[in-house]
């Protein structure tokens, strides 16, 4: 740990883009399903607008568009995501060994719904590391970038915000962690950052540190 950072009592991991390399897959599915509804959104635009956000945030964004029928859209997106994940989803390299050796309590806090989080962790073999320590935006009134989810997760894990470290890959997640009064490290090792300057993006959002390899989790830099 850096001298300016106290050793945390809890580590909160985002799921998509931090534990599993799912962000590009999710954005591809979102673009495809919206296209079927007659709404044009490229994969790059999906990354820019909805990275780290919930499906509820997508619906709010398009709330006045009558082409988007909420329940039908959510059902179709869920089906498409499951098909895509079952064929292509991979864990972030090095995250399994990191979790196996982590001596600090940890949990997941994700904008995705519980079904997607449990599916993602099961498909990538990470589920046993977390058990029931899974928290999603469905459990709080406001999702990221509001701090509600991280504060709820810390409360359930009996940790104080100032002694909690969050690992995030999105601006909305970094913003939420900062608003919760927590330390936050930006992770840019997911495939969605291969062609984007993730370090600058997350530093500008307020990340205390940015790194790109889980093997370097405790290293300086």
C-alpha atoms as a PDB file:
ATOM      1  CA  UNK A   1       0.000   0.000   0.000  1.00  0.00           C
ATOM      2  CA  UNK A   2       1.124   3.562  -0.609  1.00  0.00           C
ATOM      3  CA  UNK A   3       2.086   5.425   2.574  1.00  0.00           C
ATOM      4  CA  UNK A   4      -0.804   7.871   2.066  1.00  0.00           C
ATOM      5  CA  UNK A   5      -3.330   5.034   2.019  1.00  0.00           C
ATOM      6  CA  UNK A   6      -4.298   3.176   5.189  1.00  0.00           C
ATOM      7  CA  UNK A   7      -4.610  -0.575   4.767  1.00  0.00           C
ATOM      8  CA  UNK A   8      -8.286  -1.182   3.923  1.00  0.00           C
ATOM      9  CA  UNK A   9     -10.625  -3.289   6.017  1.00  0.00           C
ATOM     10  CA  UNK A  10     -12.669  -4.166   2.926  1.00  0.00           C
ATOM     11  CA  UNK A  11     -12.113  -4.375  -0.828  1.00  0.00           C
ATOM     12  CA  UNK A  12     -15.159  -3.893  -3.058  1.00  0.00           C
ATOM     13  CA  UNK A  13     -14.783  -5.162  -6.619  1.00  0.00           C
ATOM     14  CA  UNK A  14     -16.945  -4.059  -9.496  1.00  0.00           C
ATOM     15  CA  UNK A  15     -17.777  -7.081 -11.652  1.00  0.00           C
ATOM     16  CA  UNK A  16     -17.924  -6.121 -15.333  1.00  0.00           C
ATOM     17  CA  UNK A  17     -14.511  -5.052 -16.600  1.00  0.00           C
ATOM     18  CA  UNK A  18     -12.809  -5.784 -13.262  1.00  0.00           C
ATOM     19  CA  UNK A  19     -13.479  -9.444 -12.490  1.00  0.00           C
ATOM     20  CA  UNK A  20     -14.743 -10.517 -15.908  1.00  0.00           C
ATOM     21  CA  UNK A  21     -13.853  -9.139 -19.336  1.00  0.00           C
ATOM     22  CA  UNK A  22     -17.457  -8.412 -20.250  1.00  0.00           C
ATOM     23  CA  UNK A  23     -17.746  -4.726 -21.109  1.00  0.00           C
ATOM     24  CA  UNK A  24     -17.255  -5.013 -24.883  1.00  0.00           C
ATOM     25  CA  UNK A  25     -19.502  -8.070 -25.023  1.00  0.00           C
ATOM     26  CA  UNK A  26     -22.227  -6.227 -23.085  1.00  0.00           C
ATOM     27  CA  UNK A  27     -21.965  -3.162 -25.293  1.00  0.00           C
ATOM     28  CA  UNK A  28     -22.146  -5.306 -28.429  1.00  0.00           C
ATOM     29  CA  UNK A  29     -25.341  -6.885 -27.101  1.00  0.00           C
ATOM     30  CA  UNK A  30     -26.819  -3.518 -26.155  1.00  0.00           C
ATOM     31  CA  UNK A  31     -26.084  -2.062 -29.585  1.00  0.00           C
ATOM     32  CA  UNK A  32     -27.582  -5.104 -31.298  1.00  0.00           C
ATOM     33  CA  UNK A  33     -30.799  -5.221 -29.249  1.00  0.00           C
ATOM     34  CA  UNK A  34     -31.387  -1.475 -29.467  1.00  0.00           C
ATOM     35  CA  UNK A  35     -30.891  -1.777 -33.221  1.00  0.00           C
ATOM     36  CA  UNK A  36     -33.691  -4.321 -33.376  1.00  0.00           C
ATOM     37  CA  UNK A  37     -35.870  -1.705 -31.684  1.00  0.00           C
ATOM     38  CA  UNK A  38     -34.949   0.815 -34.368  1.00  0.00           C
ATOM     39  CA  UNK A  39     -32.562   2.790 -32.144  1.00  0.00           C
ATOM     40  CA  UNK A  40     -29.072   3.321 -33.568  1.00  0.00           C
ATOM     41  CA  UNK A  41     -26.263   3.082 -31.023  1.00  0.00           C
ATOM     42  CA  UNK A  42     -22.802   1.934 -32.069  1.00  0.00           C
ATOM     43  CA  UNK A  43     -20.653  -0.217 -29.806  1.00  0.00           C
ATOM     44  CA  UNK A  44     -18.278   2.709 -29.258  1.00  0.00           C
ATOM     45  CA  UNK A  45     -21.201   4.967 -28.318  1.00  0.00           C
ATOM     46  CA  UNK A  46     -22.481   2.306 -25.937  1.00  0.00           C
ATOM     47  CA  UNK A  47     -19.095   2.257 -24.200  1.00  0.00           C
ATOM     48  CA  UNK A  48     -19.012   6.050 -23.949  1.00  0.00           C
ATOM     49  CA  UNK A  49     -22.572   6.461 -22.690  1.00  0.00           C
ATOM     50  CA  UNK A  50     -23.334   3.381 -20.640  1.00  0.00           C
ATOM     51  CA  UNK A  51     -20.067   1.884 -19.360  1.00  0.00           C
ATOM     52  CA  UNK A  52     -20.629   0.988 -15.721  1.00  0.00           C
ATOM     53  CA  UNK A  53     -24.321   1.880 -15.839  1.00  0.00           C
ATOM     54  CA  UNK A  54     -27.356  -0.316 -15.241  1.00  0.00           C
ATOM     55  CA  UNK A  55     -30.058  -1.375 -17.686  1.00  0.00           C
ATOM     56  CA  UNK A  56     -32.351   0.946 -15.732  1.00  0.00           C
ATOM     57  CA  UNK A  57     -30.051   3.814 -16.722  1.00  0.00           C
ATOM     58  CA  UNK A  58     -30.419   2.827 -20.388  1.00  0.00           C
ATOM     59  CA  UNK A  59     -34.199   2.830 -20.051  1.00  0.00           C
ATOM     60  CA  UNK A  60     -34.137   6.229 -18.368  1.00  0.00           C
ATOM     61  CA  UNK A  61     -31.997   7.582 -21.197  1.00  0.00           C
ATOM     62  CA  UNK A  62     -34.546   6.441 -23.784  1.00  0.00           C
ATOM     63  CA  UNK A  63     -37.661   6.938 -21.640  1.00  0.00           C
ATOM     64  CA  UNK A  64     -39.467   9.060 -24.255  1.00  0.00           C
ATOM     65  CA  UNK A  65     -38.708   6.737 -27.169  1.00  0.00           C
ATOM     66  CA  UNK A  66     -41.852   4.692 -27.846  1.00  0.00           C
ATOM     67  CA  UNK A  67     -39.873   2.188 -29.904  1.00  0.00           C
ATOM     68  CA  UNK A  68     -38.364   0.820 -26.691  1.00  0.00           C
ATOM     69  CA  UNK A  69     -40.841  -1.364 -24.780  1.00  0.00           C
ATOM     70  CA  UNK A  70     -39.166  -1.782 -21.371  1.00  0.00           C
ATOM     71  CA  UNK A  71     -40.034  -5.382 -20.498  1.00  0.00           C
ATOM     72  CA  UNK A  72     -39.546  -6.714 -24.027  1.00  0.00           C
ATOM     73  CA  UNK A  73     -36.232  -4.879 -24.306  1.00  0.00           C
ATOM     74  CA  UNK A  74     -34.961  -6.171 -20.958  1.00  0.00           C
ATOM     75  CA  UNK A  75     -35.988  -9.753 -21.745  1.00  0.00           C
ATOM     76  CA  UNK A  76     -34.355  -9.683 -25.182  1.00  0.00           C
ATOM     77  CA  UNK A  77     -31.178  -8.066 -23.854  1.00  0.00           C
ATOM     78  CA  UNK A  78     -30.930 -10.598 -21.044  1.00  0.00           C
ATOM     79  CA  UNK A  79     -31.288 -13.483 -23.498  1.00  0.00           C
ATOM     80  CA  UNK A  80     -28.694 -12.041 -25.885  1.00  0.00           C
ATOM     81  CA  UNK A  81     -26.216 -11.356 -23.078  1.00  0.00           C
ATOM     82  CA  UNK A  82     -26.575 -14.897 -21.731  1.00  0.00           C
ATOM     83  CA  UNK A  83     -25.953 -16.391 -25.189  1.00  0.00           C
ATOM     84  CA  UNK A  84     -22.918 -14.181 -25.734  1.00  0.00           C
ATOM     85  CA  UNK A  85     -21.445 -14.726 -22.286  1.00  0.00           C
ATOM     86  CA  UNK A  86     -21.860 -18.493 -22.483  1.00  0.00           C
ATOM     87  CA  UNK A  87     -19.834 -18.521 -25.678  1.00  0.00           C
ATOM     88  CA  UNK A  88     -17.223 -15.852 -25.048  1.00  0.00           C
ATOM     89  CA  UNK A  89     -16.911 -14.571 -21.468  1.00  0.00           C
ATOM     90  CA  UNK A  90     -13.494 -14.846 -19.815  1.00  0.00           C
ATOM     91  CA  UNK A  91     -12.190 -13.814 -16.380  1.00  0.00           C
ATOM     92  CA  UNK A  92      -9.774 -10.913 -16.202  1.00  0.00           C
ATOM     93  CA  UNK A  93      -6.272 -12.464 -16.348  1.00  0.00           C
ATOM     94  CA  UNK A  94      -4.766 -12.981 -12.921  1.00  0.00           C
ATOM     95  CA  UNK A  95      -7.911 -12.215 -10.920  1.00  0.00           C
ATOM     96  CA  UNK A  96      -8.368 -15.787  -9.664  1.00  0.00           C
ATOM     97  CA  UNK A  97      -4.938 -15.995  -7.995  1.00  0.00           C
ATOM     98  CA  UNK A  98      -5.416 -12.485  -6.575  1.00  0.00           C
ATOM     99  CA  UNK A  99      -8.700 -13.440  -4.920  1.00  0.00           C
ATOM    100  CA  UNK A 100      -7.270 -16.728  -3.642  1.00  0.00           C
ATOM    101  CA  UNK A 101      -4.483 -14.882  -1.857  1.00  0.00           C
ATOM    102  CA  UNK A 102      -6.393 -11.840  -0.638  1.00  0.00           C
ATOM    103  CA  UNK A 103      -6.247 -11.662   3.156  1.00  0.00           C
ATOM    104  CA  UNK A 104      -8.757  -8.796   3.473  1.00  0.00           C
ATOM    105  CA  UNK A 105     -12.558  -9.231   3.369  1.00  0.00           C
ATOM    106  CA  UNK A 106     -13.914  -8.538  -0.117  1.00  0.00           C
ATOM    107  CA  UNK A 107     -17.180  -8.478  -2.025  1.00  0.00           C
ATOM    108  CA  UNK A 108     -18.792  -7.487  -5.334  1.00  0.00           C
ATOM    109  CA  UNK A 109     -20.869  -4.341  -5.953  1.00  0.00           C
ATOM    110  CA  UNK A 110     -22.165  -4.195  -9.517  1.00  0.00           C
ATOM    111  CA  UNK A 111     -24.535  -2.133 -11.653  1.00  0.00           C
ATOM    112  CA  UNK A 112     -25.599  -5.349 -13.384  1.00  0.00           C
ATOM    113  CA  UNK A 113     -28.556  -7.259 -11.994  1.00  0.00           C
ATOM    114  CA  UNK A 114     -28.066 -10.273  -9.758  1.00  0.00           C
ATOM    115  CA  UNK A 115     -28.786 -12.784 -12.521  1.00  0.00           C
ATOM    116  CA  UNK A 116     -26.028 -11.357 -14.710  1.00  0.00           C
ATOM    117  CA  UNK A 117     -23.511 -11.146 -11.867  1.00  0.00           C
ATOM    118  CA  UNK A 118     -24.110 -14.723 -10.744  1.00  0.00           C
ATOM    119  CA  UNK A 119     -23.971 -15.951 -14.355  1.00  0.00           C
ATOM    120  CA  UNK A 120     -20.713 -14.087 -15.003  1.00  0.00           C
ATOM    121  CA  UNK A 121     -19.020 -15.413 -11.891  1.00  0.00           C
ATOM    122  CA  UNK A 122     -20.258 -18.959 -12.491  1.00  0.00           C
ATOM    123  CA  UNK A 123     -19.121 -19.053 -16.132  1.00  0.00           C
ATOM    124  CA  UNK A 124     -15.637 -17.797 -15.225  1.00  0.00           C
ATOM    125  CA  UNK A 125     -15.155 -19.988 -12.160  1.00  0.00           C
ATOM    126  CA  UNK A 126     -14.993 -17.031  -9.774  1.00  0.00           C
ATOM    127  CA  UNK A 127     -18.238 -17.679  -7.883  1.00  0.00           C
ATOM    128  CA  UNK A 128     -16.658 -19.717  -5.038  1.00  0.00           C
ATOM    129  CA  UNK A 129     -14.492 -16.729  -4.080  1.00  0.00           C
ATOM    130  CA  UNK A 130     -17.532 -14.601  -3.235  1.00  0.00           C
ATOM    131  CA  UNK A 131     -20.312 -16.849  -1.998  1.00  0.00           C
ATOM    132  CA  UNK A 132     -23.251 -14.615  -1.139  1.00  0.00           C
ATOM    133  CA  UNK A 133     -21.177 -11.432  -0.844  1.00  0.00           C
ATOM    134  CA  UNK A 134     -22.808  -9.971  -3.957  1.00  0.00           C
ATOM    135  CA  UNK A 135     -24.488  -6.566  -4.041  1.00  0.00           C
ATOM    136  CA  UNK A 136     -26.220  -5.021  -7.043  1.00  0.00           C
ATOM    137  CA  UNK A 137     -27.982  -1.820  -8.031  1.00  0.00           C
ATOM    138  CA  UNK A 138     -31.312  -3.613  -7.549  1.00  0.00           C
ATOM    139  CA  UNK A 139     -30.730  -3.342  -3.794  1.00  0.00           C
ATOM    140  CA  UNK A 140     -30.567   0.465  -3.591  1.00  0.00           C
ATOM    141  CA  UNK A 141     -32.620   3.449  -4.681  1.00  0.00           C
ATOM    142  CA  UNK A 142     -29.921   4.975  -6.858  1.00  0.00           C
ATOM    143  CA  UNK A 143     -27.262   3.201  -8.889  1.00  0.00           C
ATOM    144  CA  UNK A 144     -23.806   4.453  -9.825  1.00  0.00           C
ATOM    145  CA  UNK A 145     -22.658   7.264 -10.072  1.00  0.00           C
ATOM    146  CA  UNK A 146     -24.585   7.769  -6.809  1.00  0.00           C
ATOM    147  CA  UNK A 147     -22.746   6.341  -3.765  1.00  0.00           C
ATOM    148  CA  UNK A 148     -25.696   4.269  -2.502  1.00  0.00           C
ATOM    149  CA  UNK A 149     -24.514   0.848  -3.664  1.00  0.00           C
ATOM    150  CA  UNK A 150     -21.013   1.136  -2.245  1.00  0.00           C
ATOM    151  CA  UNK A 151     -22.313   2.492   1.048  1.00  0.00           C
ATOM    152  CA  UNK A 152     -24.819  -0.358   1.251  1.00  0.00           C
ATOM    153  CA  UNK A 153     -22.160  -2.969   0.505  1.00  0.00           C
ATOM    154  CA  UNK A 154     -19.815  -1.542   3.148  1.00  0.00           C
ATOM    155  CA  UNK A 155     -22.622  -1.482   5.690  1.00  0.00           C
ATOM    156  CA  UNK A 156     -23.519  -5.110   4.999  1.00  0.00           C
ATOM    157  CA  UNK A 157     -19.852  -6.062   5.277  1.00  0.00           C
ATOM    158  CA  UNK A 158     -19.537  -4.056   8.517  1.00  0.00           C
ATOM    159  CA  UNK A 159     -16.796  -1.781   7.195  1.00  0.00           C
ATOM    160  CA  UNK A 160     -16.493   1.994   7.410  1.00  0.00           C
ATOM    161  CA  UNK A 161     -16.323   3.906   4.106  1.00  0.00           C
ATOM    162  CA  UNK A 162     -12.984   5.563   4.842  1.00  0.00           C
ATOM    163  CA  UNK A 163     -11.429   2.109   5.411  1.00  0.00           C
ATOM    164  CA  UNK A 164     -12.873   0.655   2.203  1.00  0.00           C
ATOM    165  CA  UNK A 165     -11.067   0.282  -1.135  1.00  0.00           C
ATOM    166  CA  UNK A 166     -13.091   0.106  -4.372  1.00  0.00           C
ATOM    167  CA  UNK A 167     -11.764  -1.355  -7.644  1.00  0.00           C
ATOM    168  CA  UNK A 168     -13.553   0.175 -10.632  1.00  0.00           C
ATOM    169  CA  UNK A 169     -13.182   0.439 -14.400  1.00  0.00           C
ATOM    170  CA  UNK A 170     -15.737   3.159 -15.196  1.00  0.00           C
ATOM    171  CA  UNK A 171     -16.138   6.882 -14.598  1.00  0.00           C
ATOM    172  CA  UNK A 172     -19.527   6.305 -12.994  1.00  0.00           C
ATOM    173  CA  UNK A 173     -18.015   3.752 -10.609  1.00  0.00           C
ATOM    174  CA  UNK A 174     -15.075   5.958  -9.658  1.00  0.00           C
ATOM    175  CA  UNK A 175     -17.463   8.871  -9.119  1.00  0.00           C
ATOM    176  CA  UNK A 176     -19.680   6.722  -6.896  1.00  0.00           C
ATOM    177  CA  UNK A 177     -16.757   5.531  -4.783  1.00  0.00           C
ATOM    178  CA  UNK A 178     -15.458   9.061  -4.319  1.00  0.00           C
ATOM    179  CA  UNK A 179     -18.918  10.247  -3.313  1.00  0.00           C
ATOM    180  CA  UNK A 180     -19.031   7.414  -0.756  1.00  0.00           C
ATOM    181  CA  UNK A 181     -15.800   8.657   0.827  1.00  0.00           C
ATOM    182  CA  UNK A 182     -13.862   5.543  -0.164  1.00  0.00           C
ATOM    183  CA  UNK A 183     -10.449   4.965  -1.704  1.00  0.00           C
ATOM    184  CA  UNK A 184     -10.788   3.968  -5.339  1.00  0.00           C
ATOM    185  CA  UNK A 185      -8.358   2.366  -7.754  1.00  0.00           C
ATOM    186  CA  UNK A 186      -9.101   2.407 -11.458  1.00  0.00           C
ATOM    187  CA  UNK A 187      -8.509  -0.811 -13.396  1.00  0.00           C
ATOM    188  CA  UNK A 188      -7.841  -0.554 -17.141  1.00  0.00           C
ATOM    189  CA  UNK A 189      -6.880  -4.129 -18.013  1.00  0.00           C
ATOM    190  CA  UNK A 190     -10.170  -5.005 -19.708  1.00  0.00           C
ATOM    191  CA  UNK A 191     -10.407  -5.253 -23.489  1.00  0.00           C
ATOM    192  CA  UNK A 192     -12.614  -2.132 -23.656  1.00  0.00           C
ATOM    193  CA  UNK A 193      -9.527  -0.051 -22.822  1.00  0.00           C
ATOM    194  CA  UNK A 194      -7.213  -1.524 -25.431  1.00  0.00           C
ATOM    195  CA  UNK A 195      -7.904   1.392 -27.785  1.00  0.00           C
ATOM    196  CA  UNK A 196      -8.768   4.090 -25.212  1.00  0.00           C
ATOM    197  CA  UNK A 197      -6.658   6.076 -22.754  1.00  0.00           C
ATOM    198  CA  UNK A 198      -8.240   4.577 -19.679  1.00  0.00           C
ATOM    199  CA  UNK A 199      -5.565   5.873 -17.333  1.00  0.00           C
ATOM    200  CA  UNK A 200      -6.355   9.504 -18.134  1.00  0.00           C
ATOM    201  CA  UNK A 201     -10.099   8.849 -18.126  1.00  0.00           C
ATOM    202  CA  UNK A 202     -10.126   7.309 -14.646  1.00  0.00           C
ATOM    203  CA  UNK A 203      -7.525   9.647 -13.154  1.00  0.00           C
ATOM    204  CA  UNK A 204      -9.577  12.619 -14.352  1.00  0.00           C
ATOM    205  CA  UNK A 205     -12.633  11.024 -12.721  1.00  0.00           C
ATOM    206  CA  UNK A 206     -10.783  10.984  -9.396  1.00  0.00           C
ATOM    207  CA  UNK A 207      -9.171   7.546  -9.092  1.00  0.00           C
ATOM    208  CA  UNK A 208      -6.433   7.472  -6.445  1.00  0.00           C
ATOM    209  CA  UNK A 209      -4.423   5.028  -8.539  1.00  0.00           C
ATOM    210  CA  UNK A 210      -4.778   3.342 -11.952  1.00  0.00           C
ATOM    211  CA  UNK A 211      -3.329  -0.067 -12.864  1.00  0.00           C
ATOM    212  CA  UNK A 212      -3.760  -2.561 -15.708  1.00  0.00           C
ATOM    213  CA  UNK A 213      -2.658  -5.978 -14.364  1.00  0.00           C
ATOM    214  CA  UNK A 214      -4.127  -7.884 -11.451  1.00  0.00           C
ATOM    215  CA  UNK A 215      -0.635  -9.226 -10.797  1.00  0.00           C
ATOM    216  CA  UNK A 216       0.311  -5.642  -9.886  1.00  0.00           C
ATOM    217  CA  UNK A 217      -2.563  -5.184  -7.454  1.00  0.00           C
ATOM    218  CA  UNK A 218      -0.399  -4.336  -4.444  1.00  0.00           C
ATOM    219  CA  UNK A 219       2.465  -2.764  -6.379  1.00  0.00           C
ATOM    220  CA  UNK A 220       3.227   0.941  -6.503  1.00  0.00           C
ATOM    221  CA  UNK A 221       2.392   2.886  -9.656  1.00  0.00           C
END
